[in-house]
Protein backbone atom coordinates (compact mmCIF):
# COMPACT_ATOMS: atom_id res chain seq x y z
CA MET A 1 -48.79 6.73 -23.50
CA TYR A 2 -45.70 8.94 -23.60
CA ASN A 3 -43.30 6.05 -23.06
CA LEU A 4 -44.83 4.13 -26.21
CA GLN A 5 -44.50 7.24 -28.13
CA ALA A 6 -40.92 7.60 -27.18
CA VAL A 7 -40.16 3.93 -28.11
CA VAL A 8 -41.65 4.40 -31.40
CA ARG A 9 -39.85 7.73 -32.10
CA LYS A 10 -36.54 6.16 -31.09
CA SER A 11 -37.14 2.86 -33.19
CA ILE A 12 -37.87 5.23 -36.29
CA ASN A 13 -34.60 7.07 -35.52
CA ASN A 14 -32.60 3.88 -35.12
CA THR A 15 -34.14 2.40 -38.37
CA SER A 16 -33.43 5.67 -40.14
CA ILE A 17 -29.74 5.65 -39.21
CA GLN A 18 -29.33 1.98 -40.01
CA PHE A 19 -30.70 2.60 -43.53
CA GLU A 20 -28.16 5.44 -43.89
CA LYS A 21 -25.25 3.16 -42.74
CA LEU A 22 -26.60 0.42 -45.19
CA GLY A 23 -26.20 2.99 -48.01
CA TYR A 24 -22.54 3.54 -47.21
CA ILE A 25 -21.76 -0.28 -46.96
CA ALA A 26 -23.49 -0.76 -50.35
CA ASN A 27 -21.56 2.12 -51.94
CA ASN A 28 -18.17 0.62 -50.45
CA MET A 29 -18.94 -2.76 -52.10
CA ALA A 30 -20.04 -1.29 -55.25
CA ASN A 31 -16.61 0.37 -55.37
CA TYR A 32 -14.51 -2.58 -54.47
CA ASN A 33 -12.76 -2.63 -57.93
CA THR A 34 -12.75 1.19 -58.23
CA ILE A 35 -8.99 2.38 -58.55
CA GLY A 36 -7.93 4.47 -55.62
CA TYR A 37 -11.32 4.34 -53.76
CA LYS A 38 -11.26 5.02 -50.08
CA THR A 39 -13.88 3.24 -48.02
CA ASN A 40 -16.28 5.28 -46.01
CA ARG A 41 -17.18 4.28 -42.38
CA PHE A 42 -20.63 5.30 -40.87
CA GLU A 43 -20.13 5.44 -37.15
CA GLN A 44 -23.33 5.26 -35.07
CA ILE A 45 -23.17 7.73 -32.03
CA LEU A 46 -25.66 7.60 -29.18
CA ARG A 47 -26.64 11.19 -28.15
CA GLU A 48 -27.39 12.19 -24.57
CA ASP A 49 -31.14 12.26 -25.36
CA GLY A 50 -30.93 8.43 -26.24
CA TYR A 51 -31.31 9.01 -29.89
CA LEU A 52 -28.70 7.75 -32.60
CA ASP A 53 -26.63 9.97 -34.74
CA GLY A 54 -24.05 9.07 -37.29
CA ALA A 55 -20.60 10.44 -38.40
CA ILE A 56 -18.68 9.65 -41.58
CA ARG A 57 -15.04 8.80 -41.60
CA THR A 58 -12.73 8.07 -44.46
CA ASN A 59 -10.50 5.07 -44.27
CA ALA A 60 -7.18 6.76 -45.66
CA LEU A 61 -5.13 3.73 -45.58
CA GLN A 62 -3.29 2.89 -48.90
CA GLY A 63 -4.72 -0.08 -50.96
CA SER A 64 -2.57 -2.62 -52.65
CA ILE A 65 -0.45 -1.58 -55.84
CA ARG A 66 -1.21 -3.22 -59.13
CA ILE A 67 1.27 -3.32 -61.80
CA SER A 68 0.10 -1.96 -65.23
CA SER A 69 1.40 -1.86 -68.83
CA ASN A 70 -0.12 1.53 -69.39
CA PRO A 71 2.51 4.53 -69.14
CA TYR A 72 -0.34 7.01 -68.15
CA ASP A 73 -1.10 4.81 -64.83
CA ILE A 74 0.48 5.99 -61.74
CA ALA A 75 0.15 5.03 -57.93
CA ILE A 76 1.05 7.03 -54.73
CA GLU A 77 2.89 4.94 -52.27
CA GLY A 78 2.16 6.38 -48.96
CA GLU A 79 0.06 9.30 -48.09
CA GLY A 80 -1.07 11.99 -50.44
CA TYR A 81 -3.59 12.93 -53.02
CA ILE A 82 -3.39 14.30 -56.53
CA PRO A 83 -5.07 17.90 -57.02
CA VAL A 84 -7.23 17.73 -60.14
CA VAL A 85 -9.30 20.60 -61.71
CA SER A 86 -12.63 20.23 -63.38
CA PRO A 87 -13.49 21.93 -66.76
CA GLU A 88 -15.41 24.44 -64.71
CA GLY A 89 -12.31 25.15 -62.40
CA GLU A 90 -13.26 23.22 -59.36
CA VAL A 91 -10.55 21.72 -57.31
CA GLN A 92 -10.86 18.15 -55.80
CA TYR A 93 -8.28 15.40 -54.90
CA THR A 94 -7.83 11.89 -56.04
CA ARG A 95 -5.73 8.76 -55.81
CA ASP A 96 -7.14 7.41 -58.97
CA GLY A 97 -3.95 7.45 -61.06
CA SER A 98 -5.46 5.92 -64.20
CA LEU A 99 -4.62 8.92 -66.25
CA LYS A 100 -4.91 9.63 -70.02
CA ARG A 101 -3.80 12.11 -72.63
CA GLY A 102 -6.59 14.49 -73.62
CA ALA A 103 -7.30 15.66 -77.15
CA ASN A 104 -5.43 18.74 -76.23
CA GLY A 105 -2.32 16.99 -75.00
CA TYR A 106 -3.06 17.59 -71.32
CA LEU A 107 -2.65 14.83 -68.74
CA LEU A 108 -6.24 14.30 -67.45
CA THR A 109 -8.24 11.92 -65.24
CA VAL A 110 -10.62 9.38 -66.83
CA ASP A 111 -13.59 11.85 -66.60
CA ASP A 112 -11.49 14.83 -67.99
CA TRP A 113 -10.32 16.61 -64.82
CA MET A 114 -6.99 18.30 -65.38
CA VAL A 115 -4.03 17.02 -63.25
CA GLY A 116 -2.38 19.81 -61.23
CA ASP A 117 -1.77 23.20 -63.07
CA GLY A 118 -1.75 21.31 -66.48
CA ILE A 119 0.87 19.07 -67.94
CA LYS A 120 0.95 18.96 -71.62
CA ILE A 121 2.58 16.05 -73.52
CA PRO A 122 3.97 17.34 -76.97
CA ALA A 123 2.09 15.85 -80.05
CA ASN A 124 5.43 14.61 -81.50
CA SER A 125 6.52 12.92 -78.25
CA TYR A 126 8.49 9.81 -78.68
CA LYS A 127 7.94 8.75 -75.09
CA PHE A 128 7.40 10.24 -71.58
CA GLU A 129 8.64 9.24 -68.09
CA ILE A 130 6.87 9.92 -64.84
CA ARG A 131 9.64 10.10 -62.02
CA PRO A 132 9.09 9.11 -58.47
CA ASN A 133 9.07 12.88 -57.40
CA GLY A 134 6.35 13.65 -59.91
CA ASP A 135 8.36 15.11 -62.67
CA VAL A 136 7.13 14.25 -66.14
CA MET A 137 10.02 13.95 -68.55
CA ASN A 138 9.49 14.06 -72.53
CA TYR A 139 11.80 12.42 -75.01
CA ASP A 140 11.55 13.77 -78.63
CA LYS A 141 13.12 10.85 -80.05
CA ALA A 142 15.15 7.66 -79.34
CA GLY A 143 18.45 8.64 -77.48
CA SER A 144 17.50 12.31 -76.95
CA LEU A 145 17.91 13.83 -73.67
CA PRO A 146 14.69 14.14 -71.55
CA GLU A 147 13.03 17.56 -71.06
CA LYS A 148 10.87 18.24 -68.02
CA ILE A 149 7.42 19.39 -69.16
CA GLY A 150 5.81 19.59 -65.67
CA THR A 151 5.35 17.96 -62.22
CA ILE A 152 2.33 15.98 -60.91
CA PRO A 153 1.84 17.56 -57.45
CA ILE A 154 1.10 15.45 -54.34
CA VAL A 155 -0.75 17.05 -51.32
CA GLN A 156 -1.37 15.87 -47.93
CA PHE A 157 -3.83 16.90 -45.24
CA ASP A 158 -3.64 17.11 -41.45
CA SER A 159 -6.71 14.74 -41.15
CA PRO A 160 -7.25 12.80 -44.23
CA GLU A 161 -10.01 10.77 -42.52
CA SER A 162 -12.20 13.89 -42.59
CA LEU A 163 -12.19 14.29 -46.27
CA GLU A 164 -15.48 13.69 -47.93
CA GLN A 165 -16.42 12.05 -51.23
CA GLY A 166 -16.67 14.42 -53.92
CA HIS A 167 -17.40 13.97 -57.71
CA ASN A 168 -16.70 10.43 -59.09
CA ASN A 169 -14.10 9.12 -56.81
CA LYS A 170 -12.59 12.34 -55.69
CA MET A 171 -12.30 13.91 -52.37
CA VAL A 172 -13.15 17.35 -51.04
CA ILE A 173 -11.67 19.15 -48.15
CA THR A 174 -13.63 19.86 -44.96
CA GLN A 175 -13.00 22.15 -41.89
CA GLU A 176 -11.79 19.08 -40.02
CA SER A 177 -9.46 17.85 -42.82
CA GLY A 178 -7.48 21.05 -43.00
CA ASP A 179 -6.08 22.62 -46.10
CA PRO A 180 -3.84 20.82 -48.70
CA LYS A 181 -0.14 21.02 -48.17
CA ILE A 182 2.16 20.33 -51.02
CA VAL A 183 4.69 17.51 -50.47
CA LYS A 184 8.08 18.36 -51.31
CA ASN A 185 11.28 16.26 -51.70
CA GLU A 186 9.40 13.06 -51.65
CA GLU A 187 9.66 10.19 -54.26
CA ASN A 188 6.27 8.23 -53.76
CA ILE A 189 4.98 8.30 -57.23
CA ARG A 190 5.14 4.94 -59.24
CA GLN A 191 4.64 4.86 -63.03
CA TYR A 192 3.15 1.74 -64.53
CA ALA A 193 1.01 1.12 -61.63
CA THR A 194 -2.42 1.80 -59.92
CA GLU A 195 -3.75 1.50 -56.36
CA VAL A 196 -6.67 -0.71 -55.95
CA SER A 197 -9.55 0.08 -53.63
CA ASN A 198 -8.77 -0.37 -49.80
CA THR A 199 -12.27 -1.78 -49.23
CA ASN A 200 -12.03 -5.01 -47.51
CA ILE A 201 -14.98 -7.01 -48.88
CA TYR A 202 -15.19 -9.54 -46.02
CA ASP A 203 -15.41 -6.73 -43.48
CA GLU A 204 -18.21 -5.16 -45.49
CA LEU A 205 -20.11 -8.43 -45.90
CA ASN A 206 -19.75 -8.93 -41.88
CA ASP A 207 -21.13 -5.41 -41.42
CA LEU A 208 -23.94 -6.08 -43.84
CA MET A 209 -25.00 -9.23 -42.17
CA ARG A 210 -24.78 -7.61 -38.56
CA LEU A 211 -26.82 -4.59 -39.82
CA ASN A 212 -29.41 -6.75 -41.37
CA THR A 213 -29.98 -8.53 -38.14
CA SER A 214 -30.07 -5.25 -36.33
CA MET A 215 -32.52 -3.76 -38.62
CA ILE A 216 -34.89 -6.64 -38.41
CA ALA A 217 -34.87 -6.30 -34.63
CA SER A 218 -35.42 -2.61 -34.74
CA MET A 219 -38.28 -2.95 -37.15
CA ASN A 220 -39.92 -5.74 -35.05
CA LEU A 221 -39.64 -3.61 -31.98
CA MET A 222 -41.06 -0.76 -33.78
CA LYS A 223 -44.10 -2.90 -34.82
CA VAL A 224 -44.73 -4.22 -31.30
CA ALA A 225 -44.55 -0.82 -29.85
CA ASP A 226 -46.91 0.55 -32.60
CA ASP A 227 -49.41 -2.12 -31.80
CA MET A 228 -49.45 -1.58 -28.02
CA TYR A 229 -49.78 2.27 -28.82
CA TYR A 230 -52.87 1.74 -30.80
CA LYS A 231 -54.28 -0.87 -28.34
CA ALA A 232 -53.78 1.79 -25.51
CA ILE A 233 -55.65 4.42 -27.53
CA ASN A 234 -58.59 1.82 -28.12
CA LEU A 235 -58.71 1.09 -24.38
CA ASN A 236 -58.92 4.84 -23.49
CA GLN A 237 -61.87 5.43 -25.94
């Protein structure tokens, strides 16, 4: 009786973990076209007691760079994240460089988080330039000398794989990721470009098919063990 109960409990645990992994695969596939999205990997871990557990890891590799005609679009070439601040003052980090000019003139993310400490583009700006080191230069008129109005900061982490998904395609720090460190003397920002998701749709489909097969097997095993368990009860009555 005890062994059958253990089989049922482990089958339930295994199925629960697989459903959790399925959720991450579905999320990765849903964000295949999301700018700057980083794929999440759900790694199954077998504990000493025979039960499964899971750990989340972020794939921090750079996605492909896509050329844009929008001067507000930027891409980070190499490692790093842009710190952004919510209207409530919360700080998170993103590689989604599809920026915009807010009603107050500040550079914002698509969902109105402020870039860095705040970079305000003048209302009478003729044009602006975002240089590879992150400096934002404004031109008042044609032929005028540029004026620096701010710098888009880039930060790095000791373990970017340990960052966790935050609000709307942003990342939040964890104890394992370490604190953000400002990148200095680098030229890794590219204007008129965005970084596409690093999700490999073929890998996700392959994982989905394998997981589907494993889930069917686990649920069949759970049903067989459950039937045997109730038959054993009836024999003892």
